[in-house]
Amino acid sequence: MANQESNPTDDITSAAPNEPGGKQLHPDFVFAADGFDIWWKKTFAQHTAMVAQASALMRTHRCVSLARDETRIGQAL
C-alpha cells in the first residue's frame, strides 16, 4: 500500500476507452476554439449593444424627468 502512487496520466488514459493512446482532445480542437471565439465575440457585441441602449434610455429618462421637474417648479411660482 505504501508503494501505490496515483498517476494522473493513467486516469486520463483509462478515461478514454477504445482510443489508441488515450487521446482526450477533440479531433477538431482548432475548430472548437474558433467556434468559442465566434460565440464570445457575438455575446460581447450583444452585451455591448444592450448596455448602449440602456445608457441611452437612462439619459432620456433623466432629461424627461428634469424637464418635468422644471415645469412643476414654474407652475408653482
N, C-alpha and C. Protein backbone atom coordinates (compact mmCIF):
# COMPACT_ATOMS: atom_id res chain seq x y z
N MET A 1 0.81 -1.19 0.00
CA MET A 1 0.00 0.00 0.00
C MET A 1 0.85 1.25 0.00
N ALA A 2 2.01 1.22 0.68
CA ALA A 2 2.85 2.39 0.75
C ALA A 2 3.46 2.73 -0.60
N ASN A 3 3.62 1.75 -1.48
CA ASN A 3 4.22 2.00 -2.78
C ASN A 3 3.21 2.41 -3.85
N GLN A 4 1.93 2.39 -3.52
CA GLN A 4 0.94 2.79 -4.52
C GLN A 4 1.04 4.29 -4.76
N GLU A 5 1.13 4.65 -6.02
CA GLU A 5 1.18 6.06 -6.39
C GLU A 5 0.04 6.35 -7.33
N SER A 6 -0.47 7.54 -7.24
CA SER A 6 -1.53 7.95 -8.14
C SER A 6 -0.89 8.74 -9.28
N ASN A 7 -1.12 8.28 -10.48
CA ASN A 7 -0.57 8.96 -11.65
C ASN A 7 -1.74 9.53 -12.45
N PRO A 8 -1.86 10.87 -12.51
CA PRO A 8 -2.99 11.47 -13.20
C PRO A 8 -3.06 11.09 -14.68
N THR A 9 -1.92 10.84 -15.32
CA THR A 9 -1.96 10.48 -16.73
C THR A 9 -2.59 9.11 -16.93
N ASP A 10 -2.45 8.20 -15.96
CA ASP A 10 -3.10 6.90 -16.06
C ASP A 10 -4.62 7.06 -16.02
N ASP A 11 -5.10 8.00 -15.20
CA ASP A 11 -6.54 8.24 -15.11
C ASP A 11 -7.07 8.78 -16.43
N ILE A 12 -6.33 9.68 -17.05
CA ILE A 12 -6.75 10.25 -18.33
C ILE A 12 -6.78 9.18 -19.40
N THR A 13 -5.76 8.34 -19.43
CA THR A 13 -5.68 7.29 -20.44
C THR A 13 -6.83 6.31 -20.27
N SER A 14 -7.15 5.95 -19.04
CA SER A 14 -8.21 4.98 -18.82
C SER A 14 -9.59 5.59 -19.03
N ALA A 15 -9.68 6.92 -19.03
CA ALA A 15 -10.97 7.57 -19.21
C ALA A 15 -11.41 7.58 -20.67
N ALA A 16 -10.53 7.22 -21.58
CA ALA A 16 -10.85 7.24 -23.00
C ALA A 16 -10.80 5.83 -23.56
N PRO A 17 -11.83 5.06 -23.38
CA PRO A 17 -11.81 3.70 -23.89
C PRO A 17 -11.87 3.67 -25.41
N ASN A 18 -11.29 2.64 -25.98
CA ASN A 18 -11.31 2.40 -27.43
C ASN A 18 -10.57 3.45 -28.25
N GLU A 19 -9.75 4.25 -27.61
CA GLU A 19 -8.94 5.20 -28.37
C GLU A 19 -7.48 4.85 -28.17
N PRO A 20 -6.74 4.71 -29.26
CA PRO A 20 -5.32 4.39 -29.11
C PRO A 20 -4.57 5.51 -28.40
N GLY A 21 -3.83 5.16 -27.41
CA GLY A 21 -3.03 6.16 -26.68
C GLY A 21 -3.84 7.00 -25.73
N GLY A 22 -5.12 6.77 -25.60
CA GLY A 22 -5.95 7.53 -24.67
C GLY A 22 -6.06 8.99 -25.04
N LYS A 23 -6.10 9.33 -26.31
CA LYS A 23 -6.19 10.73 -26.74
C LYS A 23 -7.50 11.34 -26.24
N GLN A 24 -7.40 12.47 -25.55
CA GLN A 24 -8.56 13.10 -24.94
C GLN A 24 -9.06 14.32 -25.71
N LEU A 25 -8.22 14.96 -26.49
CA LEU A 25 -8.60 16.19 -27.18
C LEU A 25 -9.57 15.90 -28.32
N HIS A 26 -10.46 16.82 -28.53
CA HIS A 26 -11.38 16.72 -29.65
C HIS A 26 -10.55 16.76 -30.93
N PRO A 27 -10.88 15.93 -31.92
CA PRO A 27 -10.07 15.91 -33.14
C PRO A 27 -10.05 17.26 -33.85
N ASP A 28 -11.12 18.00 -33.72
CA ASP A 28 -11.18 19.31 -34.36
C ASP A 28 -11.05 20.41 -33.31
N PHE A 29 -10.04 20.29 -32.47
CA PHE A 29 -9.86 21.24 -31.36
C PHE A 29 -9.76 22.67 -31.86
N VAL A 30 -9.07 22.88 -32.98
CA VAL A 30 -8.92 24.23 -33.53
C VAL A 30 -10.28 24.78 -33.93
N PHE A 31 -11.11 23.93 -34.52
CA PHE A 31 -12.44 24.39 -34.92
C PHE A 31 -13.30 24.70 -33.69
N ALA A 32 -13.14 23.91 -32.65
CA ALA A 32 -13.88 24.17 -31.42
C ALA A 32 -13.44 25.50 -30.81
N ALA A 33 -12.15 25.78 -30.83
CA ALA A 33 -11.64 27.04 -30.30
C ALA A 33 -12.15 28.20 -31.15
N ASP A 34 -12.20 28.03 -32.47
CA ASP A 34 -12.73 29.08 -33.34
C ASP A 34 -14.20 29.32 -33.06
N GLY A 35 -14.94 28.24 -32.83
CA GLY A 35 -16.36 28.37 -32.50
C GLY A 35 -16.56 29.13 -31.21
N PHE A 36 -15.70 28.87 -30.22
CA PHE A 36 -15.80 29.62 -28.96
C PHE A 36 -15.51 31.10 -29.19
N ASP A 37 -14.49 31.40 -29.98
CA ASP A 37 -14.16 32.80 -30.26
C ASP A 37 -15.34 33.51 -30.93
N ILE A 38 -15.98 32.83 -31.87
CA ILE A 38 -17.13 33.43 -32.55
C ILE A 38 -18.25 33.68 -31.54
N TRP A 39 -18.53 32.66 -30.71
CA TRP A 39 -19.57 32.81 -29.70
C TRP A 39 -19.25 33.96 -28.75
N TRP A 40 -17.99 34.05 -28.30
CA TRP A 40 -17.60 35.09 -27.35
C TRP A 40 -17.74 36.47 -27.97
N LYS A 41 -17.29 36.64 -29.20
CA LYS A 41 -17.39 37.96 -29.85
C LYS A 41 -18.84 38.36 -30.07
N LYS A 42 -19.68 37.40 -30.45
CA LYS A 42 -21.10 37.68 -30.66
C LYS A 42 -21.76 38.06 -29.34
N THR A 43 -21.47 37.31 -28.28
CA THR A 43 -22.05 37.60 -26.97
C THR A 43 -21.58 38.95 -26.47
N PHE A 44 -20.30 39.25 -26.63
CA PHE A 44 -19.76 40.54 -26.20
C PHE A 44 -20.43 41.68 -26.95
N ALA A 45 -20.61 41.51 -28.27
CA ALA A 45 -21.25 42.54 -29.08
C ALA A 45 -22.70 42.76 -28.65
N GLN A 46 -23.41 41.67 -28.35
CA GLN A 46 -24.79 41.79 -27.89
C GLN A 46 -24.87 42.51 -26.56
N HIS A 47 -23.99 42.17 -25.65
CA HIS A 47 -23.98 42.82 -24.33
C HIS A 47 -23.61 44.29 -24.45
N THR A 48 -22.66 44.60 -25.33
CA THR A 48 -22.26 45.99 -25.54
C THR A 48 -23.43 46.80 -26.09
N ALA A 49 -24.16 46.22 -27.04
CA ALA A 49 -25.32 46.91 -27.61
C ALA A 49 -26.40 47.12 -26.55
N MET A 50 -26.60 46.13 -25.69
CA MET A 50 -27.61 46.25 -24.64
C MET A 50 -27.23 47.35 -23.66
N VAL A 51 -25.96 47.44 -23.30
CA VAL A 51 -25.51 48.49 -22.38
C VAL A 51 -25.67 49.87 -23.02
N ALA A 52 -25.37 49.98 -24.31
CA ALA A 52 -25.54 51.26 -25.01
C ALA A 52 -27.00 51.66 -25.03
N GLN A 53 -27.90 50.71 -25.28
CA GLN A 53 -29.33 51.02 -25.28
C GLN A 53 -29.81 51.43 -23.89
N ALA A 54 -29.35 50.73 -22.88
CA ALA A 54 -29.74 51.08 -21.51
C ALA A 54 -29.23 52.46 -21.13
N SER A 55 -28.02 52.77 -21.55
CA SER A 55 -27.45 54.09 -21.27
C SER A 55 -28.27 55.19 -21.95
N ALA A 56 -28.64 54.97 -23.20
CA ALA A 56 -29.45 55.96 -23.93
C ALA A 56 -30.81 56.12 -23.26
N LEU A 57 -31.40 55.03 -22.81
CA LEU A 57 -32.69 55.08 -22.13
C LEU A 57 -32.59 55.87 -20.84
N MET A 58 -31.52 55.64 -20.09
CA MET A 58 -31.35 56.37 -18.83
C MET A 58 -31.13 57.86 -19.07
N ARG A 59 -30.36 58.18 -20.12
CA ARG A 59 -30.14 59.60 -20.46
C ARG A 59 -31.47 60.27 -20.81
N THR A 60 -32.28 59.60 -21.61
CA THR A 60 -33.58 60.15 -21.99
C THR A 60 -34.48 60.30 -20.77
N HIS A 61 -34.47 59.33 -19.91
CA HIS A 61 -35.29 59.39 -18.70
C HIS A 61 -34.88 60.57 -17.82
N ARG A 62 -33.57 60.79 -17.69
CA ARG A 62 -33.10 61.93 -16.88
C ARG A 62 -33.54 63.25 -17.49
N CYS A 63 -33.43 63.37 -18.82
CA CYS A 63 -33.82 64.61 -19.49
C CYS A 63 -35.31 64.87 -19.31
N VAL A 64 -36.12 63.84 -19.46
CA VAL A 64 -37.57 63.99 -19.31
C VAL A 64 -37.91 64.34 -17.86
N SER A 65 -37.25 63.69 -16.92
CA SER A 65 -37.51 63.96 -15.51
C SER A 65 -37.14 65.39 -15.15
N LEU A 66 -36.01 65.86 -15.65
CA LEU A 66 -35.59 67.24 -15.38
C LEU A 66 -36.58 68.23 -15.98
N ALA A 67 -37.01 67.99 -17.21
CA ALA A 67 -37.95 68.89 -17.86
C ALA A 67 -39.28 68.90 -17.11
N ARG A 68 -39.74 67.75 -16.64
CA ARG A 68 -40.99 67.67 -15.89
C ARG A 68 -40.86 68.41 -14.56
N ASP A 69 -39.71 68.28 -13.89
CA ASP A 69 -39.49 68.97 -12.62
C ASP A 69 -39.45 70.48 -12.82
N GLU A 70 -38.84 70.94 -13.89
CA GLU A 70 -38.78 72.38 -14.17
C GLU A 70 -40.17 72.92 -14.46
N THR A 71 -41.00 72.13 -15.13
CA THR A 71 -42.37 72.55 -15.42
C THR A 71 -43.15 72.68 -14.12
N ARG A 72 -42.98 71.74 -13.21
CA ARG A 72 -43.68 71.80 -11.92
C ARG A 72 -43.24 73.01 -11.11
N ILE A 73 -41.95 73.31 -11.14
CA ILE A 73 -41.43 74.47 -10.39
C ILE A 73 -41.98 75.76 -10.99
N GLY A 74 -42.03 75.82 -12.32
CA GLY A 74 -42.57 77.00 -12.99
C GLY A 74 -44.06 77.20 -12.69
N GLN A 75 -44.82 76.14 -12.58
CA GLN A 75 -46.24 76.22 -12.29
C GLN A 75 -46.49 76.63 -10.83
N ALA A 76 -45.57 76.27 -9.94
CA ALA A 76 -45.73 76.57 -8.52
C ALA A 76 -45.50 78.06 -8.24
N LEU A 77 -44.76 78.74 -9.09
CA LEU A 77 -44.47 80.15 -8.86
C LEU A 77 -45.66 80.94 -9.26
